[in-house]
C-alpha atoms as a PDB file:
ATOM      1  CA  MET A   1     110.039  82.432  99.287  1.00  0.00           C
ATOM      2  CA  LYS A   2     107.307  79.541  99.039  1.00  0.00           C
ATOM      3  CA  VAL A   3     104.194  80.387 100.990  1.00  0.00           C
ATOM      4  CA  ALA A   4     101.507  77.765 101.885  1.00  0.00           C
ATOM      5  CA  VAL A   5      97.811  79.925 101.741  1.00  0.00           C
ATOM      6  CA  PHE A   6      95.732  78.320 104.517  1.00  0.00           C
ATOM      7  CA  SER A   7      91.959  78.765 104.017  1.00  0.00           C
ATOM      8  CA  ALA A   8      92.127  79.863 100.483  1.00  0.00           C
ATOM      9  CA  LYS A   9      89.279  81.014  98.882  1.00  0.00           C
ATOM     10  CA  ALA A  10      88.589  81.967  95.015  1.00  0.00           C
ATOM     11  CA  TYR A  11      89.013  85.705  95.599  1.00  0.00           C
ATOM     12  CA  ASP A  12      92.293  84.870  98.137  1.00  0.00           C
ATOM     13  CA  GLU A  13      94.092  83.646  95.493  1.00  0.00           C
ATOM     14  CA  GLN A  14      92.779  86.116  92.542  1.00  0.00           C
ATOM     15  CA  TYR A  15      94.204  89.203  95.110  1.00  0.00           C
ATOM     16  CA  LEU A  16      97.337  87.635  96.422  1.00  0.00           C
ATOM     17  CA  SER A  17      98.403  86.603  92.936  1.00  0.00           C
ATOM     18  CA  LEU A  18      98.020  89.670  91.217  1.00  0.00           C
ATOM     19  CA  ALA A  19     100.258  91.048  94.392  1.00  0.00           C
ATOM     20  CA  GLY A  20     102.671  88.083  94.927  1.00  0.00           C
ATOM     21  CA  ASN A  21     105.272  88.953  92.196  1.00  0.00           C
ATOM     22  CA  GLY A  22     108.601  87.060  93.434  1.00  0.00           C
ATOM     23  CA  LEU A  23     106.634  84.811  95.551  1.00  0.00           C
ATOM     24  CA  GLU A  24     105.483  81.436  94.973  1.00  0.00           C
ATOM     25  CA  LEU A  25     102.246  80.928  96.685  1.00  0.00           C
ATOM     26  CA  CYS A  26     100.545  77.479  97.161  1.00  0.00           C
ATOM     27  CA  PHE A  27      96.698  77.959  98.292  1.00  0.00           C
ATOM     28  CA  ILE A  28      95.237  75.386 100.371  1.00  0.00           C
ATOM     29  CA  GLU A  29      91.871  75.348 100.699  1.00  0.00           C
ATOM     30  CA  SER A  30      91.711  73.790 104.450  1.00  0.00           C
ATOM     31  CA  ARG A  31      92.246  75.729 107.540  1.00  0.00           C
ATOM     32  CA  LEU A  32      95.527  75.514 109.470  1.00  0.00           C
ATOM     33  CA  ASN A  33      94.891  73.534 112.473  1.00  0.00           C
ATOM     34  CA  ASN A  34      97.099  70.237 114.058  1.00  0.00           C
ATOM     35  CA  GLN A  35      95.716  68.147 111.449  1.00  0.00           C
ATOM     36  CA  THR A  36      96.908  70.357 108.586  1.00  0.00           C
ATOM     37  CA  ALA A  37      99.886  71.898 109.606  1.00  0.00           C
ATOM     38  CA  SER A  38     102.042  69.042 108.001  1.00  0.00           C
ATOM     39  CA  LEU A  39     100.737  70.326 104.390  1.00  0.00           C
ATOM     40  CA  ALA A  40     103.318  73.413 105.442  1.00  0.00           C
ATOM     41  CA  GLN A  41     106.403  70.519 105.445  1.00  0.00           C
ATOM     42  CA  GLY A  42     109.159  72.468 102.915  1.00  0.00           C
ATOM     43  CA  PHE A  43     107.562  75.923 102.936  1.00  0.00           C
ATOM     44  CA  ASP A  44     109.137  79.051 104.438  1.00  0.00           C
ATOM     45  CA  ALA A  45     106.250  80.816 105.217  1.00  0.00           C
ATOM     46  CA  VAL A  46     102.526  80.506 105.983  1.00  0.00           C
ATOM     47  CA  CYS A  47      99.931  82.970 105.174  1.00  0.00           C
ATOM     48  CA  VAL A  48      96.904  82.787 107.582  1.00  0.00           C
ATOM     49  CA  PHE A  49      93.275  84.303 108.218  1.00  0.00           C
ATOM     50  CA  VAL A  50      91.167  84.972 110.877  1.00  0.00           C
ATOM     51  CA  ASN A  51      90.258  81.221 112.211  1.00  0.00           C
ATOM     52  CA  ASP A  52      93.081  79.463 111.369  1.00  0.00           C
ATOM     53  CA  GLN A  53      94.859  77.942 114.610  1.00  0.00           C
ATOM     54  CA  LEU A  54      98.505  78.913 115.411  1.00  0.00           C
ATOM     55  CA  ASP A  55      98.929  77.706 119.084  1.00  0.00           C
ATOM     56  CA  SER A  56     101.778  76.404 120.334  1.00  0.00           C
ATOM     57  CA  GLY A  57     101.423  72.780 118.809  1.00  0.00           C
ATOM     58  CA  VAL A  58     101.000  74.176 115.411  1.00  0.00           C
ATOM     59  CA  LEU A  59     103.879  76.608 115.602  1.00  0.00           C
ATOM     60  CA  ASN A  60     105.895  73.723 116.942  1.00  0.00           C
ATOM     61  CA  THR A  61     104.804  71.702 113.831  1.00  0.00           C
ATOM     62  CA  LEU A  62     105.382  74.481 111.039  1.00  0.00           C
ATOM     63  CA  HIS A  63     108.837  75.656 112.635  1.00  0.00           C
ATOM     64  CA  ALA A  64     109.907  71.805 112.652  1.00  0.00           C
ATOM     65  CA  GLY A  65     108.777  71.445 108.632  1.00  0.00           C
ATOM     66  CA  GLY A  66     110.786  74.492 108.068  1.00  0.00           C
ATOM     67  CA  VAL A  67     108.397  77.608 107.993  1.00  0.00           C
ATOM     68  CA  ARG A  68     110.065  80.757 109.800  1.00  0.00           C
ATOM     69  CA  HIS A  69     107.593  83.331 108.777  1.00  0.00           C
ATOM     70  CA  ILE A  70     103.448  83.664 109.653  1.00  0.00           C
ATOM     71  CA  ALA A  71     101.929  86.116 107.330  1.00  0.00           C
ATOM     72  CA  LEU A  72      98.197  87.179 108.852  1.00  0.00           C
ATOM     73  CA  ARG A  73      96.061  88.621 106.064  1.00  0.00           C
ATOM     74  CA  CYS A  74      94.408  90.140 109.027  1.00  0.00           C
ATOM     75  CA  ALA A  75      94.430  92.618 111.436  1.00  0.00           C
ATOM     76  CA  GLY A  76      93.192  90.301 114.442  1.00  0.00           C
ATOM     77  CA  PHE A  77      96.033  87.786 116.181  1.00  0.00           C
ATOM     78  CA  ASN A  78      94.400  86.643 119.147  1.00  0.00           C
ATOM     79  CA  ASN A  79      94.843  82.923 117.203  1.00  0.00           C
ATOM     80  CA  VAL A  80      98.374  83.041 117.542  1.00  0.00           C
ATOM     81  CA  ASP A  81     100.786  82.105 119.829  1.00  0.00           C
ATOM     82  CA  LEU A  82     103.321  84.811 120.295  1.00  0.00           C
ATOM     83  CA  GLU A  83     105.003  83.810 122.923  1.00  0.00           C
ATOM     84  CA  CYS A  84     106.052  80.583 121.235  1.00  0.00           C
ATOM     85  CA  ALA A  85     106.469  82.153 118.160  1.00  0.00           C
ATOM     86  CA  LYS A  86     109.028  84.484 119.912  1.00  0.00           C
ATOM     87  CA  GLN A  87     110.556  81.686 121.093  1.00  0.00           C
ATOM     88  CA  LEU A  88     110.880  79.690 118.120  1.00  0.00           C
ATOM     89  CA  GLY A  89     112.535  82.836 116.461  1.00  0.00           C
ATOM     90  CA  MET A  90     109.327  82.471 113.681  1.00  0.00           C
ATOM     91  CA  GLY A  91     108.518  86.222 112.495  1.00  0.00           C
ATOM     92  CA  VAL A  92     104.913  87.212 112.876  1.00  0.00           C
ATOM     93  CA  SER A  93     103.401  90.046 110.608  1.00  0.00           C
ATOM     94  CA  ARG A  94      99.998  91.217 110.346  1.00  0.00           C
ATOM     95  CA  VAL A  95      97.805  93.802 108.288  1.00  0.00           C
ATOM     96  CA  PRO A  96      96.528  96.586 110.584  1.00  0.00           C
ATOM     97  CA  ALA A  97      94.972  98.595 108.393  1.00  0.00           C
ATOM     98  CA  TYR A  98      92.984  97.869 105.490  1.00  0.00           C
ATOM     99  CA  SER A  99      90.083  99.994 104.177  1.00  0.00           C
ATOM    100  CA  PRO A 100      89.007 100.860 107.592  1.00  0.00           C
ATOM    101  CA  GLU A 101      85.803 102.342 105.727  1.00  0.00           C
ATOM    102  CA  ALA A 102      84.888  98.729 104.423  1.00  0.00           C
ATOM    103  CA  VAL A 103      84.267  97.725 107.801  1.00  0.00           C
ATOM    104  CA  ALA A 104      82.947 101.013 109.435  1.00  0.00           C
ATOM    105  CA  GLU A 105      80.432 101.187 106.596  1.00  0.00           C
ATOM    106  CA  HIS A 106      79.054  97.632 107.106  1.00  0.00           C
ATOM    107  CA  THR A 107      78.587  98.558 110.846  1.00  0.00           C
ATOM    108  CA  LEU A 108      76.368 101.473 109.226  1.00  0.00           C
ATOM    109  CA  ALA A 109      74.422  98.729 106.737  1.00  0.00           C
ATOM    110  CA  LEU A 110      73.737  95.976 110.199  1.00  0.00           C
ATOM    111  CA  VAL A 111      72.656  99.665 112.075  1.00  0.00           C
ATOM    112  CA  LEU A 112      70.116 100.530 109.338  1.00  0.00           C
ATOM    113  CA  THR A 113      69.189  97.252 108.355  1.00  0.00           C
ATOM    114  CA  LEU A 114      68.065  96.514 111.815  1.00  0.00           C
ATOM    115  CA  ASN A 115      66.261 100.168 112.303  1.00  0.00           C
ATOM    116  CA  ARG A 116      64.406  99.961 109.525  1.00  0.00           C
ATOM    117  CA  LYS A 117      63.701  96.334 108.867  1.00  0.00           C
ATOM    118  CA  LEU A 118      65.276  96.451 105.519  1.00  0.00           C
ATOM    119  CA  HIS A 119      65.478  92.757 104.875  1.00  0.00           C
ATOM    120  CA  LYS A 120      62.133  92.156 106.204  1.00  0.00           C
ATOM    121  CA  ALA A 121      60.615  94.631 103.715  1.00  0.00           C
ATOM    122  CA  TYR A 122      62.443  93.100 101.337  1.00  0.00           C
ATOM    123  CA  ASN A 123      61.042  89.660 101.784  1.00  0.00           C
ATOM    124  CA  ARG A 124      57.208  91.288 102.010  1.00  0.00           C
ATOM    125  CA  ILE A 125      57.896  93.130  98.577  1.00  0.00           C
ATOM    126  CA  LYS A 126      58.883  90.317  96.747  1.00  0.00           C
ATOM    127  CA  GLU A 127      55.620  88.514  98.168  1.00  0.00           C
ATOM    128  CA  GLY A 128      53.354  91.465  97.355  1.00  0.00           C
ATOM    129  CA  ASN A 129      52.859  92.586 100.562  1.00  0.00           C
ATOM    130  CA  PHE A 130      53.273  96.413 101.121  1.00  0.00           C
ATOM    131  CA  SER A 131      51.782  96.631 104.434  1.00  0.00           C
ATOM    132  CA  LEU A 132      54.169  98.672 107.144  1.00  0.00           C
ATOM    133  CA  ASP A 133      53.176  97.337 110.067  1.00  0.00           C
ATOM    134  CA  GLY A 134      56.143  95.672 112.083  1.00  0.00           C
ATOM    135  CA  LEU A 135      58.450  97.635 110.259  1.00  0.00           C
ATOM    136  CA  LEU A 136      58.600 101.169 112.506  1.00  0.00           C
ATOM    137  CA  GLY A 137      61.927 102.269 112.955  1.00  0.00           C
ATOM    138  CA  PHE A 138      63.120 105.462 114.482  1.00  0.00           C
ATOM    139  CA  ASN A 139      65.554 108.735 113.482  1.00  0.00           C
ATOM    140  CA  LEU A 140      69.406 107.770 114.059  1.00  0.00           C
ATOM    141  CA  HIS A 141      69.767 111.564 113.886  1.00  0.00           C
ATOM    142  CA  GLY A 142      70.176 112.465 117.857  1.00  0.00           C
ATOM    143  CA  LYS A 143      70.671 109.329 119.249  1.00  0.00           C
ATOM    144  CA  THR A 144      73.677 108.496 121.073  1.00  0.00           C
ATOM    145  CA  VAL A 145      76.532 106.305 120.040  1.00  0.00           C
ATOM    146  CA  GLY A 146      78.979 103.893 122.165  1.00  0.00           C
ATOM    147  CA  ILE A 147      81.727 103.149 120.360  1.00  0.00           C
ATOM    148  CA  ILE A 148      84.615 100.445 122.442  1.00  0.00           C
ATOM    149  CA  GLY A 149      87.679 101.245 120.398  1.00  0.00           C
ATOM    150  CA  THR A 150      88.862 104.154 118.623  1.00  0.00           C
ATOM    151  CA  GLY A 151      91.799 102.332 116.314  1.00  0.00           C
ATOM    152  CA  ARG A 152      91.136 103.494 112.225  1.00  0.00           C
ATOM    153  CA  ILE A 153      88.150 101.216 112.270  1.00  0.00           C
ATOM    154  CA  GLY A 154      86.652 102.871 114.888  1.00  0.00           C
ATOM    155  CA  LEU A 155      87.586 106.481 114.216  1.00  0.00           C
ATOM    156  CA  ALA A 156      85.707 105.259 110.597  1.00  0.00           C
ATOM    157  CA  THR A 157      82.748 104.339 112.446  1.00  0.00           C
ATOM    158  CA  ALA A 158      82.537 107.329 114.547  1.00  0.00           C
ATOM    159  CA  ARG A 159      82.616 109.725 111.541  1.00  0.00           C
ATOM    160  CA  LEU A 160      79.777 107.772 110.009  1.00  0.00           C
ATOM    161  CA  PHE A 161      77.699 108.250 112.883  1.00  0.00           C
ATOM    162  CA  LYS A 162      78.768 111.638 113.377  1.00  0.00           C
ATOM    163  CA  GLY A 163      77.626 112.428 109.743  1.00  0.00           C
ATOM    164  CA  PHE A 164      74.361 111.124 111.028  1.00  0.00           C
ATOM    165  CA  GLY A 165      73.687 113.342 113.317  1.00  0.00           C
ATOM    166  CA  CYS A 166      74.523 111.503 116.351  1.00  0.00           C
ATOM    167  CA  HIS A 167      76.314 112.040 120.022  1.00  0.00           C
ATOM    168  CA  VAL A 168      79.388 109.903 119.960  1.00  0.00           C
ATOM    169  CA  LEU A 169      80.712 108.835 123.277  1.00  0.00           C
ATOM    170  CA  CYS A 170      83.503 106.693 122.940  1.00  0.00           C
ATOM    171  CA  HIS A 171      85.872 104.569 125.046  1.00  0.00           C
ATOM    172  CA  ASP A 172      89.750 103.361 124.788  1.00  0.00           C
ATOM    173  CA  PRO A 173      92.295 102.917 126.883  1.00  0.00           C
ATOM    174  CA  TYR A 174      94.527 104.861 124.333  1.00  0.00           C
ATOM    175  CA  PRO A 175      92.129 108.049 122.993  1.00  0.00           C
ATOM    176  CA  THR A 176      92.895 110.143 119.674  1.00  0.00           C
ATOM    177  CA  ASP A 177      92.638 113.671 119.729  1.00  0.00           C
ATOM    178  CA  GLU A 178      90.522 112.946 116.176  1.00  0.00           C
ATOM    179  CA  ILE A 179      87.724 111.605 117.999  1.00  0.00           C
ATOM    180  CA  THR A 180      87.312 115.020 119.850  1.00  0.00           C
ATOM    181  CA  THR A 181      88.372 116.808 116.834  1.00  0.00           C
ATOM    182  CA  LEU A 182      85.038 115.394 115.057  1.00  0.00           C
ATOM    183  CA  GLY A 183      82.641 116.327 118.105  1.00  0.00           C
ATOM    184  CA  GLY A 184      83.569 112.913 120.164  1.00  0.00           C
ATOM    185  CA  LYS A 185      83.861 112.475 123.725  1.00  0.00           C
ATOM    186  CA  TYR A 186      85.788 109.659 125.728  1.00  0.00           C
ATOM    187  CA  VAL A 187      84.292 108.571 128.721  1.00  0.00           C
ATOM    188  CA  GLU A 188      84.153 105.702 131.395  1.00  0.00           C
ATOM    189  CA  LEU A 189      83.278 102.226 130.203  1.00  0.00           C
ATOM    190  CA  ASP A 190      80.079 102.190 132.608  1.00  0.00           C
ATOM    191  CA  SER A 191      79.328 106.070 131.506  1.00  0.00           C
ATOM    192  CA  LEU A 192      79.045 104.581 128.387  1.00  0.00           C
ATOM    193  CA  PHE A 193      76.797 101.353 128.924  1.00  0.00           C
ATOM    194  CA  GLU A 194      74.684 103.690 130.718  1.00  0.00           C
ATOM    195  CA  GLN A 195      73.849 106.403 127.860  1.00  0.00           C
ATOM    196  CA  ALA A 196      73.973 104.380 124.584  1.00  0.00           C
ATOM    197  CA  ASP A 197      71.375 104.159 122.363  1.00  0.00           C
ATOM    198  CA  ILE A 198      73.740 101.816 119.907  1.00  0.00           C
ATOM    199  CA  LEU A 199      76.714 100.436 121.049  1.00  0.00           C
ATOM    200  CA  SER A 200      79.203  99.000 118.504  1.00  0.00           C
ATOM    201  CA  LEU A 201      82.615  97.159 118.950  1.00  0.00           C
ATOM    202  CA  HIS A 202      85.611  97.966 117.516  1.00  0.00           C
ATOM    203  CA  CYS A 203      88.290  96.470 119.959  1.00  0.00           C
ATOM    204  CA  PRO A 204      90.969  93.565 119.462  1.00  0.00           C
ATOM    205  CA  LEU A 205      90.360  90.251 121.528  1.00  0.00           C
ATOM    206  CA  THR A 206      92.349  90.242 124.042  1.00  0.00           C
ATOM    207  CA  PRO A 207      92.529  88.476 128.039  1.00  0.00           C
ATOM    208  CA  ASP A 208      90.818  92.012 129.122  1.00  0.00           C
ATOM    209  CA  THR A 209      88.448  92.254 126.363  1.00  0.00           C
ATOM    210  CA  LYS A 210      87.209  88.754 126.309  1.00  0.00           C
ATOM    211  CA  HIS A 211      83.322  88.687 127.547  1.00  0.00           C
ATOM    212  CA  MET A 212      83.356  92.401 127.673  1.00  0.00           C
ATOM    213  CA  ILE A 213      79.731  92.521 127.322  1.00  0.00           C
ATOM    214  CA  ASN A 214      78.590  89.799 129.600  1.00  0.00           C
ATOM    215  CA  GLN A 215      75.438  89.844 132.037  1.00  0.00           C
ATOM    216  CA  GLN A 216      76.840  92.081 134.189  1.00  0.00           C
ATOM    217  CA  SER A 217      77.603  94.957 131.190  1.00  0.00           C
ATOM    218  CA  LEU A 218      74.547  94.077 130.428  1.00  0.00           C
ATOM    219  CA  THR A 219      72.685  95.114 133.243  1.00  0.00           C
ATOM    220  CA  LYS A 220      74.012  98.888 133.024  1.00  0.00           C
ATOM    221  CA  MET A 221      72.432  99.222 129.464  1.00  0.00           C
ATOM    222  CA  LYS A 222      69.333 100.749 128.527  1.00  0.00           C
ATOM    223  CA  SER A 223      66.475  98.483 127.808  1.00  0.00           C
ATOM    224  CA  GLY A 224      66.238  98.672 123.815  1.00  0.00           C
ATOM    225  CA  VAL A 225      69.840  99.065 123.362  1.00  0.00           C
ATOM    226  CA  MET A 226      71.064  97.870 119.899  1.00  0.00           C
ATOM    227  CA  LEU A 227      74.233  96.575 120.019  1.00  0.00           C
ATOM    228  CA  ILE A 228      76.194  95.797 116.999  1.00  0.00           C
ATOM    229  CA  ASN A 229      79.965  93.700 116.768  1.00  0.00           C
ATOM    230  CA  THR A 230      82.029  93.694 113.590  1.00  0.00           C
ATOM    231  CA  SER A 231      85.034  92.841 115.753  1.00  0.00           C
ATOM    232  CA  ARG A 232      85.730  89.637 116.920  1.00  0.00           C
ATOM    233  CA  GLY A 233      83.116  87.409 118.212  1.00  0.00           C
ATOM    234  CA  ALA A 234      84.249  86.563 122.099  1.00  0.00           C
ATOM    235  CA  LEU A 235      84.403  90.181 123.127  1.00  0.00           C
ATOM    236  CA  ILE A 236      80.264  88.974 123.718  1.00  0.00           C
ATOM    237  CA  ASP A 237      78.927  86.218 126.197  1.00  0.00           C
ATOM    238  CA  THR A 238      76.663  84.470 123.990  1.00  0.00           C
ATOM    239  CA  GLN A 239      74.812  83.109 126.036  1.00  0.00           C
ATOM    240  CA  ALA A 240      74.220  85.971 128.198  1.00  0.00           C
ATOM    241  CA  VAL A 241      73.261  87.947 125.020  1.00  0.00           C
ATOM    242  CA  ILE A 242      70.242  85.223 124.570  1.00  0.00           C
ATOM    243  CA  GLN A 243      69.004  85.847 127.938  1.00  0.00           C
ATOM    244  CA  ALA A 244      69.290  89.931 126.982  1.00  0.00           C
ATOM    245  CA  LEU A 245      67.295  89.479 123.777  1.00  0.00           C
ATOM    246  CA  LYS A 246      64.485  87.029 125.411  1.00  0.00           C
ATOM    247  CA  SER A 247      64.134  89.942 128.245  1.00  0.00           C
ATOM    248  CA  GLN A 248      63.946  92.563 125.592  1.00  0.00           C
ATOM    249  CA  LYS A 249      67.305  93.992 127.337  1.00  0.00           C
ATOM    250  CA  ILE A 250      68.697  94.279 123.860  1.00  0.00           C
ATOM    251  CA  GLY A 251      66.531  95.266 121.619  1.00  0.00           C
ATOM    252  CA  PHE A 252      68.370  94.732 118.283  1.00  0.00           C
ATOM    253  CA  LEU A 253      71.731  92.835 117.635  1.00  0.00           C
ATOM    254  CA  GLY A 254      74.246  93.202 114.456  1.00  0.00           C
ATOM    255  CA  LEU A 255      76.777  90.443 114.365  1.00  0.00           C
ATOM    256  CA  ASP A 256      78.973  89.898 111.797  1.00  0.00           C
ATOM    257  CA  VAL A 257      81.553  87.827 113.970  1.00  0.00           C
ATOM    258  CA  TYR A 258      80.631  84.765 116.479  1.00  0.00           C
ATOM    259  CA  GLU A 259      82.434  83.407 119.283  1.00  0.00           C
ATOM    260  CA  MET A 260      82.335  79.875 117.708  1.00  0.00           C
ATOM    261  CA  GLU A 261      82.576  80.971 113.822  1.00  0.00           C
ATOM    262  CA  GLY A 262      85.200  78.680 113.110  1.00  0.00           C
ATOM    263  CA  ASP A 263      83.172  75.810 112.702  1.00  0.00           C
ATOM    264  CA  LEU A 264      81.000  77.672 110.699  1.00  0.00           C
ATOM    265  CA  PHE A 265      81.673  81.091 108.848  1.00  0.00           C
ATOM    266  CA  PHE A 266      83.459  81.210 105.094  1.00  0.00           C
ATOM    267  CA  GLU A 267      81.640  77.782 104.361  1.00  0.00           C
ATOM    268  CA  ASP A 268      78.757  76.480 102.611  1.00  0.00           C
ATOM    269  CA  LEU A 269      76.975  74.742 105.096  1.00  0.00           C
ATOM    270  CA  SER A 270      73.265  74.842 103.387  1.00  0.00           C
ATOM    271  CA  ASN A 271      72.731  71.014 102.850  1.00  0.00           C
ATOM    272  CA  GLN A 272      73.974  70.251 106.077  1.00  0.00           C
ATOM    273  CA  ILE A 273      72.494  70.361 109.745  1.00  0.00           C
ATOM    274  CA  ILE A 274      74.353  72.869 111.766  1.00  0.00           C
ATOM    275  CA  GLN A 275      75.026  71.581 114.683  1.00  0.00           C
ATOM    276  CA  ASP A 276      75.699  74.594 116.931  1.00  0.00           C
ATOM    277  CA  ASP A 277      72.550  74.839 118.652  1.00  0.00           C
ATOM    278  CA  ILE A 278      73.203  78.511 120.190  1.00  0.00           C
ATOM    279  CA  PHE A 279      74.067  80.128 117.202  1.00  0.00           C
ATOM    280  CA  GLN A 280      70.703  78.022 115.974  1.00  0.00           C
ATOM    281  CA  ARG A 281      68.997  79.996 119.143  1.00  0.00           C
ATOM    282  CA  LEU A 282      70.102  83.521 117.769  1.00  0.00           C
ATOM    283  CA  CYS A 283      68.875  82.933 114.479  1.00  0.00           C
ATOM    284  CA  THR A 284      65.382  82.140 115.848  1.00  0.00           C
ATOM    285  CA  PHE A 285      65.101  86.326 117.197  1.00  0.00           C
ATOM    286  CA  PRO A 286      63.025  88.189 114.341  1.00  0.00           C
ATOM    287  CA  ASN A 287      65.615  91.452 115.740  1.00  0.00           C
ATOM    288  CA  VAL A 288      68.945  89.612 115.395  1.00  0.00           C
ATOM    289  CA  LEU A 289      70.728  90.036 112.081  1.00  0.00           C
ATOM    290  CA  ILE A 290      73.867  87.823 111.604  1.00  0.00           C
ATOM    291  CA  THR A 291      76.388  88.148 108.858  1.00  0.00           C
ATOM    292  CA  GLY A 292      79.411  85.723 108.072  1.00  0.00           C
ATOM    293  CA  HIS A 293      82.320  87.857 108.536  1.00  0.00           C
ATOM    294  CA  GLN A 294      81.797  90.039 105.524  1.00  0.00           C
ATOM    295  CA  GLY A 295      82.691  93.238 106.887  1.00  0.00           C
ATOM    296  CA  PHE A 296      86.179  93.621 105.333  1.00  0.00           C
ATOM    297  CA  PHE A 297      84.877  92.017 102.252  1.00  0.00           C
ATOM    298  CA  THR A 298      85.389  95.145  99.550  1.00  0.00           C
ATOM    299  CA  HIS A 299      87.291  95.334  96.461  1.00  0.00           C
ATOM    300  CA  GLU A 300      89.839  97.846  98.125  1.00  0.00           C
ATOM    301  CA  ALA A 301      89.715  95.786 101.338  1.00  0.00           C
ATOM    302  CA  LEU A 302      91.120  93.191  99.077  1.00  0.00           C
ATOM    303  CA  VAL A 303      94.006  95.045  97.517  1.00  0.00           C
ATOM    304  CA  GLN A 304      95.231  96.689 100.485  1.00  0.00           C
ATOM    305  CA  ILE A 305      95.356  92.845 102.111  1.00  0.00           C
ATOM    306  CA  ALA A 306      97.010  91.382  98.906  1.00  0.00           C
ATOM    307  CA  GLN A 307      99.767  94.395  99.038  1.00  0.00           C
ATOM    308  CA  THR A 308     100.574  94.335 102.577  1.00  0.00           C
ATOM    309  CA  THR A 309     100.269  90.820 102.818  1.00  0.00           C
ATOM    310  CA  THR A 310     102.653  90.101  99.924  1.00  0.00           C
ATOM    311  CA  ASN A 311     104.899  93.120 101.079  1.00  0.00           C
ATOM    312  CA  ASN A 312     105.241  91.603 104.616  1.00  0.00           C
ATOM    313  CA  LEU A 313     106.373  88.495 102.934  1.00  0.00           C
ATOM    314  CA  ARG A 314     108.928  90.089 100.648  1.00  0.00           C
ATOM    315  CA  LEU A 315     110.573  92.088 103.079  1.00  0.00           C
ATOM    316  CA  ALA A 316     110.742  88.980 105.471  1.00  0.00           C
ATOM    317  CA  ALA A 317     112.437  86.783 103.001  1.00  0.00           C
ATOM    318  CA  GLN A 318     115.158  89.739 102.565  1.00  0.00           C
ATOM    319  CA  GLY A 319     115.778  89.224 106.202  1.00  0.00           C
ATOM    320  CA  LYS A 320     114.449  93.163 106.585  1.00  0.00           C
ATOM    321  CA  SER A 321     111.914  92.379 109.768  1.00  0.00           C
ATOM    322  CA  ASP A 322     112.278  95.815 111.227  1.00  0.00           C
ATOM    323  CA  ASP A 323     110.034  96.880 108.038  1.00  0.00           C
ATOM    324  CA  LEU A 324     107.343  94.337 108.849  1.00  0.00           C
ATOM    325  CA  THR A 325     104.454  95.402 109.819  1.00  0.00           C
ATOM    326  CA  ARG A 326     105.278  92.616 112.694  1.00  0.00           C
ATOM    327  CA  LEU A 327     103.951  91.655 116.111  1.00  0.00           C
ATOM    328  CA  ALA A 328     107.024  89.301 116.900  1.00  0.00           C
END
């Protein structure tokens, strides 16, 4: 099977090549979109990531060029027109579970860094400033944490917060007994908003969850709430969050994802002028911490992503669609 790997970085090539026995992998640095879809001409499959675009136009171009399978090397699939793929007879597979602890631990890293202001303390010490003024934090022990989405990552995050002695409230349309076993409690969404000192998002992006954090939901939250998003950027209405930061309704904001990250993340833009004024406004707040979609970025996660992705491709090549971690 000939596979065009889009949005390929050096680490993608390293890990996928090690796991890709029996596959002919061609690594393409460009993202997949309407302008680059023709690069997949003559390939049997494409391997794509979170910010590649697979709308109906791209899918039709891929199909016309011979592509019959789309292998997502991520869990999310909101960037794929699944109905169009199904109509074209194109298989779509993903990586539903890749070291959920990687994202859960990054969530805790954002919480701890924001709370104890470790990033500020680091810079101060390098400058010889040992003052503690402005570095006051709070104990996590005894705080109420609201987790929206209790799949593998949400569950792993709940375990970590319980280890800190937090009260864990959860919301998910598909509850799991594992949450109640570890001492968590499922509540209605409004109740979670009202009670949470820390709110962490771990749900997929769907029409129902898009902008679930908005002006209306923010009014229900505690003043000074800490909001963490390591899931998908569009779960948050960024303009509403900026207003909540200005009014101090949000006391801390930690983001590993951003609604318009496709034009920014995974690239070195340090020598360019960032044109996204909304993102630049977020960066001006002293209580905002943003990382560039690196929650998944551990050795263990990359090994699992590569193994599952290449296995999906081999199964697709063998016509064993029933064994795939597939979507369409």
